[in-house]
Amino acid sequence: METWHGYTMTRFPFEDREAIVVFPNEARPGAPWALKTEYWDAFPDVETRLLDAGFHVAFVKNKNRWATREECAAKARFVRYVSETYRLNPKCVPVGMSCGGAYAVKFAGLYPELVQCLFIDAPVLNFCSIPGKTGNTVYENMWDREFSLVYPDLRRWQLPGSDEHPICQVDRILAARIPVILVYGLEDQTVLYEENGRLLEEAFGGTDLLTVIPVGARGHHPHGLIGDNQPIVDFILAHC
């Protein structure tokens, strides 16, 4: 056993991926747990606060960061395995930042029966925006070196009609009435809110299922609220 931010952690192979489960000192009634969907140990304040509140926290390494259906299916198998092995709630709370937000939303749409609520921060939801937009060297490198390798049959001109965008899962999330908290930086020039998170906000149409928190004086990083992430944790606690 290892420790992570003062909590006991176990690391193990799941299928052919590295996996992690972190244990609270005392489990909360109902055995809720959070699944970090990408970038393990990046901006972990929400996860450590959830551990303080009695949540387990888990992670399984992705083979890519673009929310392919194959990787989402692996996550579903992992969620079922963790729930059964550690006797946790059969539904998890995906925590997704940036490309992790793509995973959180697409996973929730494909497997709503495995999700209690979502926390997403500056999520990539529209592949036409990132990495599909041309004229941006960073995005074009992402497309050439990563995205086109995991979506080999998807060309830029096909993106507008593709159902692979995470945002295309929003109807299934709404139908399952999964609550979502969405955080973004008002100065984010990496994952533009108007081309990503705003689409989800419009799809939810002001329903009480969605809470949106814009953060002033913040770009793409640091993820989370400036100063105090407790409102995010309170939202999760209220829906678990």
C-alpha atoms as a PDB file:
ATOM      1  CA  MET A   1       0.000   0.000   0.000  1.00  0.00           C
ATOM      2  CA  GLU A   2       1.101   3.548  -0.792  1.00  0.00           C
ATOM      3  CA  THR A   3      -0.199   6.884   0.431  1.00  0.00           C
ATOM      4  CA  TRP A   4      -1.626   9.776  -1.585  1.00  0.00           C
ATOM      5  CA  HIS A   5      -2.066  13.162   0.114  1.00  0.00           C
ATOM      6  CA  GLY A   6      -2.111  11.351   3.440  1.00  0.00           C
ATOM      7  CA  TYR A   7      -4.632   8.677   2.420  1.00  0.00           C
ATOM      8  CA  THR A   8      -4.039   4.980   1.826  1.00  0.00           C
ATOM      9  CA  MET A   9      -3.768   4.154  -1.863  1.00  0.00           C
ATOM     10  CA  THR A  10      -3.537   0.904  -3.771  1.00  0.00           C
ATOM     11  CA  ARG A  11      -2.111   0.689  -7.275  1.00  0.00           C
ATOM     12  CA  PHE A  12      -2.857  -2.336  -9.455  1.00  0.00           C
ATOM     13  CA  PRO A  13      -3.172  -3.466 -13.077  1.00  0.00           C
ATOM     14  CA  PHE A  14      -6.640  -3.439 -14.577  1.00  0.00           C
ATOM     15  CA  GLU A  15      -6.690  -5.279 -17.885  1.00  0.00           C
ATOM     16  CA  ASP A  16      -3.606  -3.679 -19.460  1.00  0.00           C
ATOM     17  CA  ARG A  17      -3.897  -0.331 -17.690  1.00  0.00           C
ATOM     18  CA  GLU A  18      -2.578   1.134 -14.459  1.00  0.00           C
ATOM     19  CA  ALA A  19      -5.341   1.639 -11.908  1.00  0.00           C
ATOM     20  CA  ILE A  20      -5.582   3.385  -8.544  1.00  0.00           C
ATOM     21  CA  VAL A  21      -8.023   3.407  -5.648  1.00  0.00           C
ATOM     22  CA  VAL A  22      -7.611   5.785  -2.691  1.00  0.00           C
ATOM     23  CA  PHE A  23      -9.424   5.052   0.575  1.00  0.00           C
ATOM     24  CA  PRO A  24     -10.977   7.537   3.009  1.00  0.00           C
ATOM     25  CA  ASN A  25     -10.319   7.184   6.705  1.00  0.00           C
ATOM     26  CA  GLU A  26     -14.017   6.446   7.192  1.00  0.00           C
ATOM     27  CA  ALA A  27     -16.351   5.670   4.294  1.00  0.00           C
ATOM     28  CA  ARG A  28     -19.437   7.823   3.912  1.00  0.00           C
ATOM     29  CA  PRO A  29     -22.842   6.083   4.126  1.00  0.00           C
ATOM     30  CA  GLY A  30     -23.808   4.774   0.717  1.00  0.00           C
ATOM     31  CA  ALA A  31     -20.131   4.294  -0.188  1.00  0.00           C
ATOM     32  CA  PRO A  32     -19.944   7.076  -2.821  1.00  0.00           C
ATOM     33  CA  TRP A  33     -16.837   7.458  -4.918  1.00  0.00           C
ATOM     34  CA  ALA A  34     -15.267   9.699  -7.528  1.00  0.00           C
ATOM     35  CA  LEU A  35     -13.577   8.657 -10.754  1.00  0.00           C
ATOM     36  CA  LYS A  36     -10.861  11.020 -11.993  1.00  0.00           C
ATOM     37  CA  THR A  37     -11.180  10.598 -15.735  1.00  0.00           C
ATOM     38  CA  GLU A  38      -7.783  11.941 -16.858  1.00  0.00           C
ATOM     39  CA  TYR A  39      -4.656  13.686 -15.522  1.00  0.00           C
ATOM     40  CA  TRP A  40      -4.313  11.852 -12.220  1.00  0.00           C
ATOM     41  CA  ASP A  41      -2.923  14.077  -9.441  1.00  0.00           C
ATOM     42  CA  ALA A  42      -3.463  17.280 -11.440  1.00  0.00           C
ATOM     43  CA  PHE A  43      -5.232  19.962  -9.365  1.00  0.00           C
ATOM     44  CA  PRO A  44      -6.400  17.363  -6.802  1.00  0.00           C
ATOM     45  CA  ASP A  45      -8.059  19.651  -4.254  1.00  0.00           C
ATOM     46  CA  VAL A  46     -11.613  18.520  -5.052  1.00  0.00           C
ATOM     47  CA  GLU A  47     -10.604  14.859  -4.783  1.00  0.00           C
ATOM     48  CA  THR A  48      -8.816  15.340  -1.447  1.00  0.00           C
ATOM     49  CA  ARG A  49     -11.827  17.220  -0.076  1.00  0.00           C
ATOM     50  CA  LEU A  50     -14.039  14.336  -1.182  1.00  0.00           C
ATOM     51  CA  LEU A  51     -11.726  11.921   0.625  1.00  0.00           C
ATOM     52  CA  ASP A  52     -12.075  14.113   3.709  1.00  0.00           C
ATOM     53  CA  ALA A  53     -15.851  13.731   3.312  1.00  0.00           C
ATOM     54  CA  GLY A  54     -15.639   9.922   3.146  1.00  0.00           C
ATOM     55  CA  PHE A  55     -15.526   9.295  -0.612  1.00  0.00           C
ATOM     56  CA  HIS A  56     -13.224   6.790  -2.253  1.00  0.00           C
ATOM     57  CA  VAL A  57     -11.352   8.153  -5.280  1.00  0.00           C
ATOM     58  CA  ALA A  58     -10.244   6.029  -8.243  1.00  0.00           C
ATOM     59  CA  PHE A  59      -8.457   6.333 -11.560  1.00  0.00           C
ATOM     60  CA  VAL A  60      -7.704   4.098 -14.516  1.00  0.00           C
ATOM     61  CA  LYS A  61      -5.168   5.192 -17.105  1.00  0.00           C
ATOM     62  CA  ASN A  62      -6.426   5.997 -20.601  1.00  0.00           C
ATOM     63  CA  LYS A  63      -4.701   4.892 -23.785  1.00  0.00           C
ATOM     64  CA  ASN A  64      -5.589   8.249 -25.321  1.00  0.00           C
ATOM     65  CA  ARG A  65      -7.139  11.489 -24.073  1.00  0.00           C
ATOM     66  CA  TRP A  66      -9.854  11.865 -26.719  1.00  0.00           C
ATOM     67  CA  ALA A  67     -12.724   9.913 -25.188  1.00  0.00           C
ATOM     68  CA  THR A  68     -12.967   7.106 -27.706  1.00  0.00           C
ATOM     69  CA  ARG A  69     -15.808   4.644 -27.279  1.00  0.00           C
ATOM     70  CA  GLU A  70     -13.324   1.836 -26.633  1.00  0.00           C
ATOM     71  CA  GLU A  71     -11.771   3.726 -23.725  1.00  0.00           C
ATOM     72  CA  CYS A  72     -15.189   4.668 -22.348  1.00  0.00           C
ATOM     73  CA  ALA A  73     -16.125   0.983 -22.457  1.00  0.00           C
ATOM     74  CA  ALA A  74     -12.962   0.155 -20.505  1.00  0.00           C
ATOM     75  CA  LYS A  75     -13.970   2.760 -17.935  1.00  0.00           C
ATOM     76  CA  ALA A  76     -17.388   1.116 -17.622  1.00  0.00           C
ATOM     77  CA  ARG A  77     -15.742  -2.231 -16.922  1.00  0.00           C
ATOM     78  CA  PHE A  78     -13.481  -0.542 -14.383  1.00  0.00           C
ATOM     79  CA  VAL A  79     -16.401   1.139 -12.617  1.00  0.00           C
ATOM     80  CA  ARG A  80     -18.203  -2.187 -12.293  1.00  0.00           C
ATOM     81  CA  TYR A  81     -15.020  -3.867 -11.055  1.00  0.00           C
ATOM     82  CA  VAL A  82     -14.283  -1.214  -8.422  1.00  0.00           C
ATOM     83  CA  SER A  83     -17.889  -1.138  -7.230  1.00  0.00           C
ATOM     84  CA  GLU A  84     -17.992  -4.905  -6.789  1.00  0.00           C
ATOM     85  CA  THR A  85     -14.465  -5.416  -5.450  1.00  0.00           C
ATOM     86  CA  TYR A  86     -14.545  -2.638  -2.852  1.00  0.00           C
ATOM     87  CA  ARG A  87     -18.306  -2.778  -2.174  1.00  0.00           C
ATOM     88  CA  LEU A  88     -18.869   0.781  -3.311  1.00  0.00           C
ATOM     89  CA  ASN A  89     -21.892   2.470  -4.816  1.00  0.00           C
ATOM     90  CA  PRO A  90     -22.582   1.071  -8.303  1.00  0.00           C
ATOM     91  CA  LYS A  91     -22.624   4.667  -9.569  1.00  0.00           C
ATOM     92  CA  CYS A  92     -19.553   6.895  -9.529  1.00  0.00           C
ATOM     93  CA  VAL A  93     -18.958  10.646  -9.799  1.00  0.00           C
ATOM     94  CA  PRO A  94     -16.755  11.370 -12.839  1.00  0.00           C
ATOM     95  CA  VAL A  95     -14.392  14.300 -12.251  1.00  0.00           C
ATOM     96  CA  GLY A  96     -13.119  15.615 -15.564  1.00  0.00           C
ATOM     97  CA  MET A  97     -10.878  18.549 -16.412  1.00  0.00           C
ATOM     98  CA  SER A  98     -10.127  19.637 -19.995  1.00  0.00           C
ATOM     99  CA  CYS A  99      -9.842  16.387 -22.020  1.00  0.00           C
ATOM    100  CA  GLY A 100     -10.937  14.647 -18.828  1.00  0.00           C
ATOM    101  CA  GLY A 101     -14.188  16.569 -19.255  1.00  0.00           C
ATOM    102  CA  ALA A 102     -14.572  14.985 -22.678  1.00  0.00           C
ATOM    103  CA  TYR A 103     -14.297  11.589 -21.014  1.00  0.00           C
ATOM    104  CA  ALA A 104     -16.679  12.480 -18.181  1.00  0.00           C
ATOM    105  CA  VAL A 105     -19.440  13.672 -20.503  1.00  0.00           C
ATOM    106  CA  LYS A 106     -19.081  10.978 -23.137  1.00  0.00           C
ATOM    107  CA  PHE A 107     -18.865   8.248 -20.502  1.00  0.00           C
ATOM    108  CA  ALA A 108     -21.950   9.584 -18.707  1.00  0.00           C
ATOM    109  CA  GLY A 109     -23.923   9.601 -21.934  1.00  0.00           C
ATOM    110  CA  LEU A 110     -22.871   6.118 -22.968  1.00  0.00           C
ATOM    111  CA  TYR A 111     -23.236   4.615 -19.475  1.00  0.00           C
ATOM    112  CA  PRO A 112     -25.707   6.782 -17.511  1.00  0.00           C
ATOM    113  CA  GLU A 113     -26.546   3.867 -15.244  1.00  0.00           C
ATOM    114  CA  LEU A 114     -23.022   4.143 -13.790  1.00  0.00           C
ATOM    115  CA  VAL A 115     -23.079   7.877 -12.976  1.00  0.00           C
ATOM    116  CA  GLN A 116     -24.519   9.823 -10.028  1.00  0.00           C
ATOM    117  CA  CYS A 117     -23.471  13.332 -11.031  1.00  0.00           C
ATOM    118  CA  LEU A 118     -20.672  15.091 -12.939  1.00  0.00           C
ATOM    119  CA  PHE A 119     -18.036  17.676 -12.128  1.00  0.00           C
ATOM    120  CA  ILE A 120     -16.418  19.060 -15.275  1.00  0.00           C
ATOM    121  CA  ASP A 121     -13.962  21.928 -15.579  1.00  0.00           C
ATOM    122  CA  ALA A 122     -13.077  23.651 -18.862  1.00  0.00           C
ATOM    123  CA  PRO A 123     -14.265  20.522 -20.698  1.00  0.00           C
ATOM    124  CA  VAL A 124     -13.419  19.635 -24.295  1.00  0.00           C
ATOM    125  CA  LEU A 125     -16.861  18.889 -25.728  1.00  0.00           C
ATOM    126  CA  ASN A 126     -16.626  19.895 -29.379  1.00  0.00           C
ATOM    127  CA  PHE A 127     -13.908  18.373 -31.542  1.00  0.00           C
ATOM    128  CA  CYS A 128     -14.582  20.992 -34.240  1.00  0.00           C
ATOM    129  CA  SER A 129     -13.151  23.459 -31.739  1.00  0.00           C
ATOM    130  CA  ILE A 130     -10.307  21.417 -30.276  1.00  0.00           C
ATOM    131  CA  PRO A 131      -8.381  19.815 -31.872  1.00  0.00           C
ATOM    132  CA  GLY A 132     -10.204  20.259 -35.202  1.00  0.00           C
ATOM    133  CA  LYS A 133      -9.756  24.001 -35.673  1.00  0.00           C
ATOM    134  CA  THR A 134      -7.177  24.871 -38.315  1.00  0.00           C
ATOM    135  CA  GLY A 135      -4.766  27.780 -38.204  1.00  0.00           C
ATOM    136  CA  ASN A 136      -3.645  26.981 -34.652  1.00  0.00           C
ATOM    137  CA  THR A 137      -0.298  25.188 -34.445  1.00  0.00           C
ATOM    138  CA  VAL A 138      -1.024  23.599 -31.057  1.00  0.00           C
ATOM    139  CA  TYR A 139      -4.367  22.203 -32.216  1.00  0.00           C
ATOM    140  CA  GLU A 140      -2.965  21.012 -35.526  1.00  0.00           C
ATOM    141  CA  ASN A 141      -0.172  19.155 -33.693  1.00  0.00           C
ATOM    142  CA  MET A 142      -2.805  17.532 -31.454  1.00  0.00           C
ATOM    143  CA  TRP A 143      -4.738  16.481 -34.532  1.00  0.00           C
ATOM    144  CA  ASP A 144      -1.736  15.057 -36.380  1.00  0.00           C
ATOM    145  CA  ARG A 145       0.048  13.404 -33.447  1.00  0.00           C
ATOM    146  CA  GLU A 146      -2.888  12.211 -31.331  1.00  0.00           C
ATOM    147  CA  PHE A 147      -6.446  12.635 -32.553  1.00  0.00           C
ATOM    148  CA  SER A 148      -6.046  11.267 -36.075  1.00  0.00           C
ATOM    149  CA  LEU A 149      -4.339   8.162 -34.669  1.00  0.00           C
ATOM    150  CA  VAL A 150      -7.300   7.218 -32.448  1.00  0.00           C
ATOM    151  CA  TYR A 151     -10.001   8.370 -34.886  1.00  0.00           C
ATOM    152  CA  PRO A 152      -8.340   7.218 -38.127  1.00  0.00           C
ATOM    153  CA  ASP A 153     -11.571   7.241 -40.132  1.00  0.00           C
ATOM    154  CA  LEU A 154     -12.653  10.728 -39.069  1.00  0.00           C
ATOM    155  CA  ARG A 155     -11.558  13.678 -41.216  1.00  0.00           C
ATOM    156  CA  ARG A 156     -11.940  17.356 -40.379  1.00  0.00           C
ATOM    157  CA  TRP A 157     -14.637  17.845 -42.988  1.00  0.00           C
ATOM    158  CA  GLN A 158     -16.638  15.033 -41.373  1.00  0.00           C
ATOM    159  CA  LEU A 159     -16.577  16.537 -37.887  1.00  0.00           C
ATOM    160  CA  PRO A 160     -19.789  18.599 -38.181  1.00  0.00           C
ATOM    161  CA  GLY A 161     -21.819  15.444 -38.884  1.00  0.00           C
ATOM    162  CA  SER A 162     -20.003  13.136 -36.469  1.00  0.00           C
ATOM    163  CA  ASP A 163     -21.616  11.711 -33.338  1.00  0.00           C
ATOM    164  CA  GLU A 164     -18.234  11.215 -31.659  1.00  0.00           C
ATOM    165  CA  HIS A 165     -18.208  14.655 -30.020  1.00  0.00           C
ATOM    166  CA  PRO A 166     -18.804  14.412 -26.263  1.00  0.00           C
ATOM    167  CA  ILE A 167     -21.539  17.049 -26.601  1.00  0.00           C
ATOM    168  CA  CYS A 168     -23.513  14.574 -28.735  1.00  0.00           C
ATOM    169  CA  GLN A 169     -24.228  12.593 -25.554  1.00  0.00           C
ATOM    170  CA  VAL A 170     -26.072  15.439 -23.860  1.00  0.00           C
ATOM    171  CA  ASP A 171     -29.566  14.133 -24.697  1.00  0.00           C
ATOM    172  CA  ARG A 172     -28.836  10.866 -22.900  1.00  0.00           C
ATOM    173  CA  ILE A 173     -27.466  12.746 -19.874  1.00  0.00           C
ATOM    174  CA  LEU A 174     -30.604  14.872 -19.768  1.00  0.00           C
ATOM    175  CA  ALA A 175     -32.857  11.845 -20.174  1.00  0.00           C
ATOM    176  CA  ALA A 176     -31.130  10.190 -17.213  1.00  0.00           C
ATOM    177  CA  ARG A 177     -31.432  13.431 -15.199  1.00  0.00           C
ATOM    178  CA  ILE A 178     -27.766  13.425 -14.219  1.00  0.00           C
ATOM    179  CA  PRO A 179     -26.830  16.628 -12.354  1.00  0.00           C
ATOM    180  CA  VAL A 180     -23.785  18.497 -13.675  1.00  0.00           C
ATOM    181  CA  ILE A 181     -21.585  21.206 -12.212  1.00  0.00           C
ATOM    182  CA  LEU A 182     -19.550  23.038 -14.859  1.00  0.00           C
ATOM    183  CA  VAL A 183     -16.653  25.372 -14.011  1.00  0.00           C
ATOM    184  CA  TYR A 184     -14.651  27.434 -16.483  1.00  0.00           C
ATOM    185  CA  GLY A 185     -12.168  30.304 -16.541  1.00  0.00           C
ATOM    186  CA  LEU A 186     -13.334  33.537 -18.108  1.00  0.00           C
ATOM    187  CA  GLU A 187      -9.861  34.022 -19.608  1.00  0.00           C
ATOM    188  CA  ASP A 188      -9.421  30.494 -20.965  1.00  0.00           C
ATOM    189  CA  GLN A 189      -7.890  30.697 -24.446  1.00  0.00           C
ATOM    190  CA  THR A 190      -7.046  26.984 -24.661  1.00  0.00           C
ATOM    191  CA  VAL A 191     -10.505  25.394 -24.523  1.00  0.00           C
ATOM    192  CA  LEU A 192     -12.848  28.176 -25.549  1.00  0.00           C
ATOM    193  CA  TYR A 193     -16.013  28.135 -23.459  1.00  0.00           C
ATOM    194  CA  GLU A 194     -18.150  29.610 -26.232  1.00  0.00           C
ATOM    195  CA  GLU A 195     -17.282  26.634 -28.450  1.00  0.00           C
ATOM    196  CA  ASN A 196     -17.437  23.916 -25.773  1.00  0.00           C
ATOM    197  CA  GLY A 197     -19.068  24.378 -22.368  1.00  0.00           C
ATOM    198  CA  ARG A 198     -21.539  26.923 -23.738  1.00  0.00           C
ATOM    199  CA  LEU A 199     -23.015  24.205 -25.970  1.00  0.00           C
ATOM    200  CA  LEU A 200     -23.804  22.080 -22.930  1.00  0.00           C
ATOM    201  CA  GLU A 201     -25.233  25.083 -21.095  1.00  0.00           C
ATOM    202  CA  GLU A 202     -27.573  25.801 -24.016  1.00  0.00           C
ATOM    203  CA  ALA A 203     -28.572  22.131 -24.282  1.00  0.00           C
ATOM    204  CA  PHE A 204     -29.603  22.052 -20.619  1.00  0.00           C
ATOM    205  CA  GLY A 205     -31.714  25.142 -21.257  1.00  0.00           C
ATOM    206  CA  GLY A 206     -31.683  26.525 -17.739  1.00  0.00           C
ATOM    207  CA  THR A 207     -32.869  23.316 -16.068  1.00  0.00           C
ATOM    208  CA  ASP A 208     -32.060  22.783 -12.409  1.00  0.00           C
ATOM    209  CA  LEU A 209     -29.802  19.884 -13.404  1.00  0.00           C
ATOM    210  CA  LEU A 210     -26.946  22.202 -14.401  1.00  0.00           C
ATOM    211  CA  THR A 211     -24.896  24.555 -12.236  1.00  0.00           C
ATOM    212  CA  VAL A 212     -22.414  26.780 -14.085  1.00  0.00           C
ATOM    213  CA  ILE A 213     -19.660  28.683 -12.275  1.00  0.00           C
ATOM    214  CA  PRO A 214     -17.491  31.090 -14.310  1.00  0.00           C
ATOM    215  CA  VAL A 215     -14.211  31.992 -12.613  1.00  0.00           C
ATOM    216  CA  GLY A 216     -12.764  35.442 -13.125  1.00  0.00           C
ATOM    217  CA  ALA A 217      -9.029  36.040 -13.566  1.00  0.00           C
ATOM    218  CA  ARG A 218      -8.522  32.400 -14.538  1.00  0.00           C
ATOM    219  CA  GLY A 219      -7.408  30.879 -17.805  1.00  0.00           C
ATOM    220  CA  HIS A 220      -7.368  27.178 -18.599  1.00  0.00           C
ATOM    221  CA  HIS A 221      -5.294  26.644 -15.444  1.00  0.00           C
ATOM    222  CA  PRO A 222      -5.482  26.334 -12.540  1.00  0.00           C
ATOM    223  CA  HIS A 223      -8.561  24.121 -12.662  1.00  0.00           C
ATOM    224  CA  GLY A 224     -11.138  24.580  -9.932  1.00  0.00           C
ATOM    225  CA  LEU A 225     -12.335  27.681  -8.132  1.00  0.00           C
ATOM    226  CA  ILE A 226      -9.856  30.313  -7.056  1.00  0.00           C
ATOM    227  CA  GLY A 227      -9.353  30.004  -3.323  1.00  0.00           C
ATOM    228  CA  ASP A 228     -12.028  27.529  -2.236  1.00  0.00           C
ATOM    229  CA  ASN A 229     -13.399  24.443  -4.008  1.00  0.00           C
ATOM    230  CA  GLN A 230     -15.942  23.665  -1.295  1.00  0.00           C
ATOM    231  CA  PRO A 231     -18.939  24.751  -3.458  1.00  0.00           C
ATOM    232  CA  ILE A 232     -18.003  22.003  -5.935  1.00  0.00           C
ATOM    233  CA  VAL A 233     -17.738  19.444  -3.153  1.00  0.00           C
ATOM    234  CA  ASP A 234     -21.042  20.612  -1.660  1.00  0.00           C
ATOM    235  CA  PHE A 235     -22.736  20.101  -5.040  1.00  0.00           C
ATOM    236  CA  ILE A 236     -21.397  16.552  -5.252  1.00  0.00           C
ATOM    237  CA  LEU A 237     -22.401  15.768  -1.672  1.00  0.00           C
ATOM    238  CA  ALA A 238     -25.914  17.043  -2.362  1.00  0.00           C
ATOM    239  CA  HIS A 239     -26.326  14.610  -5.259  1.00  0.00           C
ATOM    240  CA  CYS A 240     -24.831  11.460  -3.695  1.00  0.00           C
END
